[in-house]
Amino acid sequence: MSIAQLLSVLACVVVNTFGQVLLKLASKEFVDVSSLMSLIKAAFNIYLVGGILMYVIGMALWIWTLRITPLNMAYPLIGLCFITVPLMSCFVLGEPLSKNIVLGSVLIVSGAFFVAH
């Protein structure tokens, strides 16, 4: 795997991770959606807009990545999101990291390493 391919996949992972965190933050705005105004306000909060924007950017990056990288190499590396999202949720959102999450993350990194080489 070339440096350009690896950087492209890692950019997809980063964008996806930030998108997930932003959507989690946006979900806190969807508490009272009983009225149309509450729903409109929730739908246009900055976190939701940012999360959707990250997904659009991520899709464009993913298409570029698939253009330069074989799918059988790129797709397993997207599994790194299973590490970055829990880490970001711990540090940004204050969610706990269990031993099972850490162990699973180590296994995923190991698998991604073998795929990349």
PDB file of N, CA and C in Angstrom:
ATOM      1  N   MET A   1       0.861  -1.178   0.000  1.00  0.00           N
ATOM      2  CA  MET A   1       0.000   0.000   0.000  1.00  0.00           C
ATOM      3  C   MET A   1       0.902   1.233   0.000  1.00  0.00           C
ATOM      4  N   SER A   2       0.639   2.140  -0.918  1.00  0.00           N
ATOM      5  CA  SER A   2       1.458   3.347  -1.019  1.00  0.00           C
ATOM      6  C   SER A   2       1.080   4.346   0.077  1.00  0.00           C
ATOM      7  N   ILE A   3       1.929   5.334   0.262  1.00  0.00           N
ATOM      8  CA  ILE A   3       1.664   6.386   1.243  1.00  0.00           C
ATOM      9  C   ILE A   3       0.387   7.138   0.880  1.00  0.00           C
ATOM     10  N   ALA A   4       0.182   7.434  -0.399  1.00  0.00           N
ATOM     11  CA  ALA A   4      -1.029   8.153  -0.829  1.00  0.00           C
ATOM     12  C   ALA A   4      -2.283   7.346  -0.513  1.00  0.00           C
ATOM     13  N   GLN A   5      -2.237   6.057  -0.750  1.00  0.00           N
ATOM     14  CA  GLN A   5      -3.383   5.204  -0.444  1.00  0.00           C
ATOM     15  C   GLN A   5      -3.662   5.179   1.052  1.00  0.00           C
ATOM     16  N   LEU A   6      -2.609   5.001   1.839  1.00  0.00           N
ATOM     17  CA  LEU A   6      -2.763   4.957   3.286  1.00  0.00           C
ATOM     18  C   LEU A   6      -3.298   6.273   3.824  1.00  0.00           C
ATOM     19  N   LEU A   7      -2.743   7.391   3.361  1.00  0.00           N
ATOM     20  CA  LEU A   7      -3.219   8.695   3.819  1.00  0.00           C
ATOM     21  C   LEU A   7      -4.672   8.936   3.429  1.00  0.00           C
ATOM     22  N   SER A   8      -5.044   8.471   2.268  1.00  0.00           N
ATOM     23  CA  SER A   8      -6.423   8.622   1.815  1.00  0.00           C
ATOM     24  C   SER A   8      -7.389   7.847   2.709  1.00  0.00           C
ATOM     25  N   VAL A   9      -7.037   6.612   3.031  1.00  0.00           N
ATOM     26  CA  VAL A   9      -7.882   5.812   3.920  1.00  0.00           C
ATOM     27  C   VAL A   9      -7.936   6.443   5.306  1.00  0.00           C
ATOM     28  N   LEU A  10      -6.793   6.887   5.815  1.00  0.00           N
ATOM     29  CA  LEU A  10      -6.766   7.503   7.141  1.00  0.00           C
ATOM     30  C   LEU A  10      -7.580   8.795   7.181  1.00  0.00           C
ATOM     31  N   ALA A  11      -7.582   9.550   6.091  1.00  0.00           N
ATOM     32  CA  ALA A  11      -8.417  10.754   6.019  1.00  0.00           C
ATOM     33  C   ALA A  11      -9.893  10.372   6.118  1.00  0.00           C
ATOM     34  N   CYS A  12     -10.268   9.283   5.473  1.00  0.00           N
ATOM     35  CA  CYS A  12     -11.651   8.797   5.578  1.00  0.00           C
ATOM     36  C   CYS A  12     -11.997   8.430   7.020  1.00  0.00           C
ATOM     37  N   VAL A  13     -11.069   7.789   7.695  1.00  0.00           N
ATOM     38  CA  VAL A  13     -11.284   7.402   9.092  1.00  0.00           C
ATOM     39  C   VAL A  13     -11.469   8.638   9.964  1.00  0.00           C
ATOM     40  N   VAL A  14     -10.609   9.636   9.782  1.00  0.00           N
ATOM     41  CA  VAL A  14     -10.687  10.861  10.591  1.00  0.00           C
ATOM     42  C   VAL A  14     -12.009  11.584  10.354  1.00  0.00           C
ATOM     43  N   VAL A  15     -12.382  11.745   9.098  1.00  0.00           N
ATOM     44  CA  VAL A  15     -13.620  12.460   8.775  1.00  0.00           C
ATOM     45  C   VAL A  15     -14.828  11.698   9.321  1.00  0.00           C
ATOM     46  N   ASN A  16     -14.830  10.386   9.172  1.00  0.00           N
ATOM     47  CA  ASN A  16     -15.928   9.580   9.698  1.00  0.00           C
ATOM     48  C   ASN A  16     -16.018   9.689  11.214  1.00  0.00           C
ATOM     49  N   THR A  17     -14.882   9.689  11.879  1.00  0.00           N
ATOM     50  CA  THR A  17     -14.851   9.793  13.334  1.00  0.00           C
ATOM     51  C   THR A  17     -15.445  11.124  13.795  1.00  0.00           C
ATOM     52  N   PHE A  18     -15.009  12.217  13.187  1.00  0.00           N
ATOM     53  CA  PHE A  18     -15.563  13.514  13.568  1.00  0.00           C
ATOM     54  C   PHE A  18     -17.051  13.594  13.245  1.00  0.00           C
ATOM     55  N   GLY A  19     -17.461  12.996  12.133  1.00  0.00           N
ATOM     56  CA  GLY A  19     -18.876  12.971  11.787  1.00  0.00           C
ATOM     57  C   GLY A  19     -19.704  12.255  12.842  1.00  0.00           C
ATOM     58  N   GLN A  20     -19.204  11.124  13.334  1.00  0.00           N
ATOM     59  CA  GLN A  20     -19.917  10.379  14.365  1.00  0.00           C
ATOM     60  C   GLN A  20     -20.053  11.190  15.655  1.00  0.00           C
ATOM     61  N   VAL A  21     -18.975  11.835  16.068  1.00  0.00           N
ATOM     62  CA  VAL A  21     -19.015  12.630  17.298  1.00  0.00           C
ATOM     63  C   VAL A  21     -19.968  13.811  17.145  1.00  0.00           C
ATOM     64  N   LEU A  22     -19.922  14.468  16.004  1.00  0.00           N
ATOM     65  CA  LEU A  22     -20.828  15.594  15.771  1.00  0.00           C
ATOM     66  C   LEU A  22     -22.287  15.144  15.760  1.00  0.00           C
ATOM     67  N   LEU A  23     -22.569  13.988  15.163  1.00  0.00           N
ATOM     68  CA  LEU A  23     -23.947  13.498  15.163  1.00  0.00           C
ATOM     69  C   LEU A  23     -24.402  13.108  16.565  1.00  0.00           C
ATOM     70  N   LYS A  24     -23.502  12.594  17.373  1.00  0.00           N
ATOM     71  CA  LYS A  24     -23.846  12.291  18.771  1.00  0.00           C
ATOM     72  C   LYS A  24     -24.177  13.575  19.521  1.00  0.00           C
ATOM     73  N   LEU A  25     -23.363  14.613  19.308  1.00  0.00           N
ATOM     74  CA  LEU A  25     -23.651  15.907  19.935  1.00  0.00           C
ATOM     75  C   LEU A  25     -24.982  16.469  19.433  1.00  0.00           C
ATOM     76  N   ALA A  26     -25.270  16.288  18.159  1.00  0.00           N
ATOM     77  CA  ALA A  26     -26.530  16.772  17.585  1.00  0.00           C
ATOM     78  C   ALA A  26     -27.723  16.041  18.177  1.00  0.00           C
ATOM     79  N   SER A  27     -27.543  14.775  18.508  1.00  0.00           N
ATOM     80  CA  SER A  27     -28.665  13.984  19.021  1.00  0.00           C
ATOM     81  C   SER A  27     -29.215  14.555  20.329  1.00  0.00           C
ATOM     82  N   LYS A  28     -28.404  15.288  21.054  1.00  0.00           N
ATOM     83  CA  LYS A  28     -28.858  15.887  22.317  1.00  0.00           C
ATOM     84  C   LYS A  28     -29.887  16.986  22.086  1.00  0.00           C
ATOM     85  N   GLU A  29     -29.924  17.527  20.867  1.00  0.00           N
ATOM     86  CA  GLU A  29     -30.896  18.565  20.529  1.00  0.00           C
ATOM     87  C   GLU A  29     -32.269  17.985  20.204  1.00  0.00           C
ATOM     88  N   PHE A  30     -32.333  16.686  19.939  1.00  0.00           N
ATOM     89  CA  PHE A  30     -33.585  16.058  19.550  1.00  0.00           C
ATOM     90  C   PHE A  30     -34.324  15.501  20.762  1.00  0.00           C
ATOM     91  N   VAL A  31     -34.449  16.318  21.806  1.00  0.00           N
ATOM     92  CA  VAL A  31     -35.126  15.903  23.025  1.00  0.00           C
ATOM     93  C   VAL A  31     -36.626  16.115  22.881  1.00  0.00           C
ATOM     94  N   ASP A  32     -37.021  17.326  22.533  1.00  0.00           N
ATOM     95  CA  ASP A  32     -38.443  17.656  22.393  1.00  0.00           C
ATOM     96  C   ASP A  32     -38.716  17.985  20.929  1.00  0.00           C
ATOM     97  N   VAL A  33     -39.235  17.018  20.231  1.00  0.00           N
ATOM     98  CA  VAL A  33     -39.574  17.245  18.824  1.00  0.00           C
ATOM     99  C   VAL A  33     -41.094  17.167  18.637  1.00  0.00           C
ATOM    100  N   SER A  34     -41.803  17.569  19.688  1.00  0.00           N
ATOM    101  CA  SER A  34     -43.263  17.496  19.641  1.00  0.00           C
ATOM    102  C   SER A  34     -43.874  18.619  18.813  1.00  0.00           C
ATOM    103  N   SER A  35     -43.150  19.714  18.675  1.00  0.00           N
ATOM    104  CA  SER A  35     -43.676  20.810  17.862  1.00  0.00           C
ATOM    105  C   SER A  35     -42.800  20.996  16.629  1.00  0.00           C
ATOM    106  N   LEU A  36     -43.381  21.586  15.614  1.00  0.00           N
ATOM    107  CA  LEU A  36     -42.649  21.817  14.373  1.00  0.00           C
ATOM    108  C   LEU A  36     -41.448  22.726  14.599  1.00  0.00           C
ATOM    109  N   MET A  37     -41.607  23.756  15.427  1.00  0.00           N
ATOM    110  CA  MET A  37     -40.498  24.682  15.692  1.00  0.00           C
ATOM    111  C   MET A  37     -39.345  23.977  16.403  1.00  0.00           C
ATOM    112  N   SER A  38     -39.653  23.123  17.351  1.00  0.00           N
ATOM    113  CA  SER A  38     -38.599  22.370  18.047  1.00  0.00           C
ATOM    114  C   SER A  38     -37.857  21.461  17.080  1.00  0.00           C
ATOM    115  N   LEU A  39     -38.594  20.832  16.181  1.00  0.00           N
ATOM    116  CA  LEU A  39     -37.979  19.949  15.204  1.00  0.00           C
ATOM    117  C   LEU A  39     -37.097  20.723  14.234  1.00  0.00           C
ATOM    118  N   ILE A  40     -37.572  21.875  13.775  1.00  0.00           N
ATOM    119  CA  ILE A  40     -36.782  22.712  12.860  1.00  0.00           C
ATOM    120  C   ILE A  40     -35.514  23.204  13.551  1.00  0.00           C
ATOM    121  N   LYS A  41     -35.650  23.645  14.803  1.00  0.00           N
ATOM    122  CA  LYS A  41     -34.481  24.111  15.556  1.00  0.00           C
ATOM    123  C   LYS A  41     -33.458  22.990  15.715  1.00  0.00           C
ATOM    124  N   ALA A  42     -33.918  21.805  16.044  1.00  0.00           N
ATOM    125  CA  ALA A  42     -33.018  20.670  16.215  1.00  0.00           C
ATOM    126  C   ALA A  42     -32.364  20.280  14.898  1.00  0.00           C
ATOM    127  N   ALA A  43     -33.113  20.374  13.813  1.00  0.00           N
ATOM    128  CA  ALA A  43     -32.595  19.948  12.518  1.00  0.00           C
ATOM    129  C   ALA A  43     -31.529  20.883  11.966  1.00  0.00           C
ATOM    130  N   PHE A  44     -31.482  22.105  12.456  1.00  0.00           N
ATOM    131  CA  PHE A  44     -30.520  23.062  11.930  1.00  0.00           C
ATOM    132  C   PHE A  44     -29.449  23.460  12.947  1.00  0.00           C
ATOM    133  N   ASN A  45     -29.235  22.612  13.959  1.00  0.00           N
ATOM    134  CA  ASN A  45     -28.168  22.938  14.903  1.00  0.00           C
ATOM    135  C   ASN A  45     -26.814  22.680  14.254  1.00  0.00           C
ATOM    136  N   ILE A  46     -25.813  23.354  14.746  1.00  0.00           N
ATOM    137  CA  ILE A  46     -24.486  23.353  14.126  1.00  0.00           C
ATOM    138  C   ILE A  46     -23.851  21.962  14.127  1.00  0.00           C
ATOM    139  N   TYR A  47     -24.146  21.167  15.153  1.00  0.00           N
ATOM    140  CA  TYR A  47     -23.566  19.828  15.210  1.00  0.00           C
ATOM    141  C   TYR A  47     -24.140  18.923  14.119  1.00  0.00           C
ATOM    142  N   LEU A  48     -25.439  19.019  13.888  1.00  0.00           N
ATOM    143  CA  LEU A  48     -26.052  18.204  12.841  1.00  0.00           C
ATOM    144  C   LEU A  48     -25.546  18.620  11.466  1.00  0.00           C
ATOM    145  N   VAL A  49     -25.493  19.908  11.227  1.00  0.00           N
ATOM    146  CA  VAL A  49     -24.987  20.401   9.946  1.00  0.00           C
ATOM    147  C   VAL A  49     -23.535  19.966   9.756  1.00  0.00           C
ATOM    148  N   GLY A  50     -22.723  20.090  10.808  1.00  0.00           N
ATOM    149  CA  GLY A  50     -21.326  19.658  10.732  1.00  0.00           C
ATOM    150  C   GLY A  50     -21.201  18.165  10.503  1.00  0.00           C
ATOM    151  N   GLY A  51     -22.023  17.369  11.171  1.00  0.00           N
ATOM    152  CA  GLY A  51     -21.984  15.924  10.994  1.00  0.00           C
ATOM    153  C   GLY A  51     -22.354  15.506   9.578  1.00  0.00           C
ATOM    154  N   ILE A  52     -23.386  16.135   9.044  1.00  0.00           N
ATOM    155  CA  ILE A  52     -23.786  15.838   7.666  1.00  0.00           C
ATOM    156  C   ILE A  52     -22.691  16.269   6.698  1.00  0.00           C
ATOM    157  N   LEU A  53     -22.100  17.420   6.949  1.00  0.00           N
ATOM    158  CA  LEU A  53     -20.999  17.895   6.105  1.00  0.00           C
ATOM    159  C   LEU A  53     -19.831  16.914   6.141  1.00  0.00           C
ATOM    160  N   MET A  54     -19.511  16.383   7.317  1.00  0.00           N
ATOM    161  CA  MET A  54     -18.438  15.390   7.427  1.00  0.00           C
ATOM    162  C   MET A  54     -18.770  14.145   6.607  1.00  0.00           C
ATOM    163  N   TYR A  55     -20.036  13.741   6.604  1.00  0.00           N
ATOM    164  CA  TYR A  55     -20.422  12.568   5.819  1.00  0.00           C
ATOM    165  C   TYR A  55     -20.304  12.829   4.325  1.00  0.00           C
ATOM    166  N   VAL A  56     -20.645  14.031   3.889  1.00  0.00           N
ATOM    167  CA  VAL A  56     -20.517  14.373   2.473  1.00  0.00           C
ATOM    168  C   VAL A  56     -19.039  14.391   2.072  1.00  0.00           C
ATOM    169  N   ILE A  57     -18.219  15.027   2.902  1.00  0.00           N
ATOM    170  CA  ILE A  57     -16.774  15.048   2.641  1.00  0.00           C
ATOM    171  C   ILE A  57     -16.215  13.630   2.672  1.00  0.00           C
ATOM    172  N   GLY A  58     -16.660  12.845   3.659  1.00  0.00           N
ATOM    173  CA  GLY A  58     -16.199  11.469   3.783  1.00  0.00           C
ATOM    174  C   GLY A  58     -16.556  10.623   2.577  1.00  0.00           C
ATOM    175  N   MET A  59     -17.750  10.838   2.033  1.00  0.00           N
ATOM    176  CA  MET A  59     -18.146  10.081   0.848  1.00  0.00           C
ATOM    177  C   MET A  59     -17.261  10.444  -0.345  1.00  0.00           C
ATOM    178  N   ALA A  60     -16.977  11.728  -0.509  1.00  0.00           N
ATOM    179  CA  ALA A  60     -16.106  12.159  -1.603  1.00  0.00           C
ATOM    180  C   ALA A  60     -14.696  11.579  -1.425  1.00  0.00           C
ATOM    181  N   LEU A  61     -14.190  11.625  -0.187  1.00  0.00           N
ATOM    182  CA  LEU A  61     -12.868  11.035   0.086  1.00  0.00           C
ATOM    183  C   LEU A  61     -12.864   9.536  -0.167  1.00  0.00           C
ATOM    184  N   TRP A  62     -13.941   8.865   0.205  1.00  0.00           N
ATOM    185  CA  TRP A  62     -14.012   7.423   0.029  1.00  0.00           C
ATOM    186  C   TRP A  62     -14.005   7.059  -1.459  1.00  0.00           C
ATOM    187  N   ILE A  63     -14.742   7.811  -2.251  1.00  0.00           N
ATOM    188  CA  ILE A  63     -14.749   7.563  -3.699  1.00  0.00           C
ATOM    189  C   ILE A  63     -13.342   7.768  -4.272  1.00  0.00           C
ATOM    190  N   TRP A  64     -12.676   8.829  -3.827  1.00  0.00           N
ATOM    191  CA  TRP A  64     -11.293   9.058  -4.272  1.00  0.00           C
ATOM    192  C   TRP A  64     -10.394   7.902  -3.836  1.00  0.00           C
ATOM    193  N   THR A  65     -10.568   7.472  -2.602  1.00  0.00           N
ATOM    194  CA  THR A  65      -9.764   6.369  -2.075  1.00  0.00           C
ATOM    195  C   THR A  65      -9.965   5.108  -2.913  1.00  0.00           C
ATOM    196  N   LEU A  66     -11.197   4.812  -3.246  1.00  0.00           N
ATOM    197  CA  LEU A  66     -11.478   3.616  -4.046  1.00  0.00           C
ATOM    198  C   LEU A  66     -10.927   3.735  -5.457  1.00  0.00           C
ATOM    199  N   ARG A  67     -10.751   4.954  -5.907  1.00  0.00           N
ATOM    200  CA  ARG A  67     -10.177   5.173  -7.234  1.00  0.00           C
ATOM    201  C   ARG A  67      -8.697   4.781  -7.261  1.00  0.00           C
ATOM    202  N   ILE A  68      -8.006   4.973  -6.130  1.00  0.00           N
ATOM    203  CA  ILE A  68      -6.558   4.739  -6.104  1.00  0.00           C
ATOM    204  C   ILE A  68      -6.149   3.514  -5.290  1.00  0.00           C
ATOM    205  N   THR A  69      -7.121   2.886  -4.610  1.00  0.00           N
ATOM    206  CA  THR A  69      -6.791   1.781  -3.706  1.00  0.00           C
ATOM    207  C   THR A  69      -7.724   0.600  -3.974  1.00  0.00           C
ATOM    208  N   PRO A  70      -7.204  -0.615  -4.010  1.00  0.00           N
ATOM    209  CA  PRO A  70      -8.088  -1.775  -4.139  1.00  0.00           C
ATOM    210  C   PRO A  70      -9.053  -1.851  -2.948  1.00  0.00           C
ATOM    211  N   LEU A  71     -10.293  -2.173  -3.224  1.00  0.00           N
ATOM    212  CA  LEU A  71     -11.310  -2.254  -2.178  1.00  0.00           C
ATOM    213  C   LEU A  71     -10.926  -3.250  -1.100  1.00  0.00           C
ATOM    214  N   ASN A  72     -10.322  -4.372  -1.496  1.00  0.00           N
ATOM    215  CA  ASN A  72      -9.975  -5.388  -0.497  1.00  0.00           C
ATOM    216  C   ASN A  72      -8.871  -4.927   0.451  1.00  0.00           C
ATOM    217  N   MET A  73      -8.180  -3.832   0.132  1.00  0.00           N
ATOM    218  CA  MET A  73      -7.197  -3.259   1.047  1.00  0.00           C
ATOM    219  C   MET A  73      -7.796  -2.088   1.830  1.00  0.00           C
ATOM    220  N   ALA A  74      -8.595  -1.275   1.161  1.00  0.00           N
ATOM    221  CA  ALA A  74      -9.127  -0.067   1.788  1.00  0.00           C
ATOM    222  C   ALA A  74     -10.200  -0.381   2.831  1.00  0.00           C
ATOM    223  N   TYR A  75     -11.117  -1.283   2.495  1.00  0.00           N
ATOM    224  CA  TYR A  75     -12.261  -1.506   3.377  1.00  0.00           C
ATOM    225  C   TYR A  75     -11.886  -2.007   4.765  1.00  0.00           C
ATOM    226  N   PRO A  76     -10.992  -2.980   4.898  1.00  0.00           N
ATOM    227  CA  PRO A  76     -10.630  -3.410   6.249  1.00  0.00           C
ATOM    228  C   PRO A  76     -10.016  -2.282   7.090  1.00  0.00           C
ATOM    229  N   LEU A  77      -9.296  -1.371   6.448  1.00  0.00           N
ATOM    230  CA  LEU A  77      -8.680  -0.277   7.206  1.00  0.00           C
ATOM    231  C   LEU A  77      -9.711   0.724   7.730  1.00  0.00           C
ATOM    232  N   ILE A  78     -10.875   0.766   7.107  1.00  0.00           N
ATOM    233  CA  ILE A  78     -11.951   1.611   7.628  1.00  0.00           C
ATOM    234  C   ILE A  78     -12.360   1.117   9.018  1.00  0.00           C
ATOM    235  N   GLY A  79     -12.047  -0.141   9.302  1.00  0.00           N
ATOM    236  CA  GLY A  79     -12.297  -0.687  10.635  1.00  0.00           C
ATOM    237  C   GLY A  79     -11.578   0.070  11.738  1.00  0.00           C
ATOM    238  N   LEU A  80     -10.605   0.886  11.364  1.00  0.00           N
ATOM    239  CA  LEU A  80      -9.932   1.716  12.372  1.00  0.00           C
ATOM    240  C   LEU A  80     -10.905   2.690  13.037  1.00  0.00           C
ATOM    241  N   CYS A  81     -12.045   2.930  12.394  1.00  0.00           N
ATOM    242  CA  CYS A  81     -13.084   3.767  13.011  1.00  0.00           C
ATOM    243  C   CYS A  81     -13.584   3.137  14.315  1.00  0.00           C
ATOM    244  N   PHE A  82     -13.479   1.807  14.406  1.00  0.00           N
ATOM    245  CA  PHE A  82     -13.891   1.132  15.631  1.00  0.00           C
ATOM    246  C   PHE A  82     -12.946   1.444  16.786  1.00  0.00           C
ATOM    247  N   ILE A  83     -11.831   2.072  16.491  1.00  0.00           N
ATOM    248  CA  ILE A  83     -10.891   2.519  17.514  1.00  0.00           C
ATOM    249  C   ILE A  83     -11.042   4.012  17.742  1.00  0.00           C
ATOM    250  N   THR A  84     -11.048   4.766  16.660  1.00  0.00           N
ATOM    251  CA  THR A  84     -11.052   6.221  16.789  1.00  0.00           C
ATOM    252  C   THR A  84     -12.356   6.760  17.358  1.00  0.00           C
ATOM    253  N   VAL A  85     -13.477   6.152  17.001  1.00  0.00           N
ATOM    254  CA  VAL A  85     -14.761   6.645  17.515  1.00  0.00           C
ATOM    255  C   VAL A  85     -14.875   6.426  19.029  1.00  0.00           C
ATOM    256  N   PRO A  86     -14.587   5.222  19.560  1.00  0.00           N
ATOM    257  CA  PRO A  86     -14.638   5.086  21.019  1.00  0.00           C
ATOM    258  C   PRO A  86     -13.647   6.000  21.749  1.00  0.00           C
ATOM    259  N   LEU A  87     -12.448   6.187  21.175  1.00  0.00           N
ATOM    260  CA  LEU A  87     -11.482   7.087  21.819  1.00  0.00           C
ATOM    261  C   LEU A  87     -12.005   8.521  21.857  1.00  0.00           C
ATOM    262  N   MET A  88     -12.535   8.981  20.732  1.00  0.00           N
ATOM    263  CA  MET A  88     -13.086  10.339  20.695  1.00  0.00           C
ATOM    264  C   MET A  88     -14.309  10.463  21.596  1.00  0.00           C
ATOM    265  N   SER A  89     -15.124   9.418  21.648  1.00  0.00           N
ATOM    266  CA  SER A  89     -16.298   9.492  22.521  1.00  0.00           C
ATOM    267  C   SER A  89     -15.873   9.552  23.985  1.00  0.00           C
ATOM    268  N   CYS A  90     -14.757   8.935  24.300  1.00  0.00           N
ATOM    269  CA  CYS A  90     -14.236   9.004  25.674  1.00  0.00           C
ATOM    270  C   CYS A  90     -13.709  10.399  25.982  1.00  0.00           C
ATOM    271  N   PHE A  91     -12.858  10.920  25.102  1.00  0.00           N
ATOM    272  CA  PHE A  91     -12.207  12.201  25.384  1.00  0.00           C
ATOM    273  C   PHE A  91     -13.109  13.411  25.151  1.00  0.00           C
ATOM    274  N   VAL A  92     -13.969  13.362  24.165  1.00  0.00           N
ATOM    275  CA  VAL A  92     -14.815  14.521  23.849  1.00  0.00           C
ATOM    276  C   VAL A  92     -16.153  14.459  24.586  1.00  0.00           C
ATOM    277  N   LEU A  93     -16.757  13.268  24.646  1.00  0.00           N
ATOM    278  CA  LEU A  93     -18.088  13.141  25.223  1.00  0.00           C
ATOM    279  C   LEU A  93     -18.088  12.617  26.657  1.00  0.00           C
ATOM    280  N   GLY A  94     -16.921  12.166  27.123  1.00  0.00           N
ATOM    281  CA  GLY A  94     -16.836  11.658  28.488  1.00  0.00           C
ATOM    282  C   GLY A  94     -17.431  10.262  28.664  1.00  0.00           C
ATOM    283  N   GLU A  95     -17.589   9.520  27.576  1.00  0.00           N
ATOM    284  CA  GLU A  95     -18.123   8.165  27.669  1.00  0.00           C
ATOM    285  C   GLU A  95     -17.021   7.213  28.136  1.00  0.00           C
ATOM    286  N   PRO A  96     -17.394   6.175  28.884  1.00  0.00           N
ATOM    287  CA  PRO A  96     -16.370   5.260  29.420  1.00  0.00           C
ATOM    288  C   PRO A  96     -15.784   4.340  28.356  1.00  0.00           C
ATOM    289  N   LEU A  97     -14.531   3.950  28.578  1.00  0.00           N
ATOM    290  CA  LEU A  97     -13.858   2.944  27.742  1.00  0.00           C
ATOM    291  C   LEU A  97     -13.719   1.670  28.586  1.00  0.00           C
ATOM    292  N   SER A  98     -14.376   0.611  28.166  1.00  0.00           N
ATOM    293  CA  SER A  98     -14.289  -0.636  28.919  1.00  0.00           C
ATOM    294  C   SER A  98     -13.079  -1.455  28.452  1.00  0.00           C
ATOM    295  N   LYS A  99     -12.743  -2.472  29.226  1.00  0.00           N
ATOM    296  CA  LYS A  99     -11.655  -3.369  28.841  1.00  0.00           C
ATOM    297  C   LYS A  99     -11.974  -4.077  27.529  1.00  0.00           C
ATOM    298  N   ASN A 100     -13.233  -4.414  27.323  1.00  0.00           N
ATOM    299  CA  ASN A 100     -13.618  -5.096  26.075  1.00  0.00           C
ATOM    300  C   ASN A 100     -13.410  -4.192  24.867  1.00  0.00           C
ATOM    301  N   ILE A 101     -13.691  -2.906  25.005  1.00  0.00           N
ATOM    302  CA  ILE A 101     -13.472  -1.974  23.899  1.00  0.00           C
ATOM    303  C   ILE A 101     -11.986  -1.869  23.598  1.00  0.00           C
ATOM    304  N   VAL A 102     -11.168  -1.778  24.628  1.00  0.00           N
ATOM    305  CA  VAL A 102      -9.718  -1.684  24.438  1.00  0.00           C
ATOM    306  C   VAL A 102      -9.182  -2.965  23.787  1.00  0.00           C
ATOM    307  N   LEU A 103      -9.602  -4.125  24.285  1.00  0.00           N
ATOM    308  CA  LEU A 103      -9.150  -5.400  23.720  1.00  0.00           C
ATOM    309  C   LEU A 103      -9.598  -5.529  22.261  1.00  0.00           C
ATOM    310  N   GLY A 104     -10.837  -5.209  21.980  1.00  0.00           N
ATOM    311  CA  GLY A 104     -11.336  -5.261  20.610  1.00  0.00           C
ATOM    312  C   GLY A 104     -10.573  -4.323  19.698  1.00  0.00           C
ATOM    313  N   SER A 105     -10.231  -3.150  20.224  1.00  0.00           N
ATOM    314  CA  SER A 105      -9.473  -2.172  19.445  1.00  0.00           C
ATOM    315  C   SER A 105      -8.081  -2.705  19.089  1.00  0.00           C
ATOM    316  N   VAL A 106      -7.443  -3.378  20.044  1.00  0.00           N
ATOM    317  CA  VAL A 106      -6.125  -3.964  19.783  1.00  0.00           C
ATOM    318  C   VAL A 106      -6.229  -5.024  18.683  1.00  0.00           C
ATOM    319  N   LEU A 107      -7.269  -5.826  18.728  1.00  0.00           N
ATOM    320  CA  LEU A 107      -7.459  -6.846  17.696  1.00  0.00           C
ATOM    321  C   LEU A 107      -7.703  -6.209  16.327  1.00  0.00           C
ATOM    322  N   ILE A 108      -8.468  -5.134  16.294  1.00  0.00           N
ATOM    323  CA  ILE A 108      -8.746  -4.454  15.030  1.00  0.00           C
ATOM    324  C   ILE A 108      -7.473  -3.835  14.460  1.00  0.00           C
ATOM    325  N   VAL A 109      -6.673  -3.188  15.309  1.00  0.00           N
ATOM    326  CA  VAL A 109      -5.412  -2.601  14.846  1.00  0.00           C
ATOM    327  C   VAL A 109      -4.505  -3.692  14.290  1.00  0.00           C
ATOM    328  N   SER A 110      -4.471  -4.828  14.948  1.00  0.00           N
ATOM    329  CA  SER A 110      -3.650  -5.942  14.461  1.00  0.00           C
ATOM    330  C   SER A 110      -4.101  -6.383  13.074  1.00  0.00           C
ATOM    331  N   GLY A 111      -5.385  -6.525  12.889  1.00  0.00           N
ATOM    332  CA  GLY A 111      -5.910  -6.927  11.606  1.00  0.00           C
ATOM    333  C   GLY A 111      -5.639  -5.885  10.526  1.00  0.00           C
ATOM    334  N   ALA A 112      -5.817  -4.615  10.864  1.00  0.00           N
ATOM    335  CA  ALA A 112      -5.560  -3.539   9.910  1.00  0.00           C
ATOM    336  C   ALA A 112      -4.084  -3.512   9.510  1.00  0.00           C
ATOM    337  N   PHE A 113      -3.214  -3.777  10.452  1.00  0.00           N
ATOM    338  CA  PHE A 113      -1.779  -3.831  10.170  1.00  0.00           C
ATOM    339  C   PHE A 113      -1.469  -4.908   9.136  1.00  0.00           C
ATOM    340  N   PHE A 114      -2.052  -6.078   9.325  1.00  0.00           N
ATOM    341  CA  PHE A 114      -1.807  -7.178   8.370  1.00  0.00           C
ATOM    342  C   PHE A 114      -2.368  -6.863   6.996  1.00  0.00           C
ATOM    343  N   VAL A 115      -3.497  -6.206   6.934  1.00  0.00           N
ATOM    344  CA  VAL A 115      -4.101  -5.853   5.653  1.00  0.00           C
ATOM    345  C   VAL A 115      -3.240  -4.823   4.926  1.00  0.00           C
ATOM    346  N   ALA A 116      -2.693  -3.865   5.675  1.00  0.00           N
ATOM    347  CA  ALA A 116      -1.924  -2.778   5.069  1.00  0.00           C
ATOM    348  C   ALA A 116      -0.564  -3.244   4.555  1.00  0.00           C
ATOM    349  N   HIS A 117      -0.075  -4.371   5.002  1.00  0.00           N
ATOM    350  CA  HIS A 117       1.254  -4.829   4.591  1.00  0.00           C
ATOM    351  C   HIS A 117       1.165  -5.929   3.593  1.00  0.00           C
TER     352      HIS A 117
END
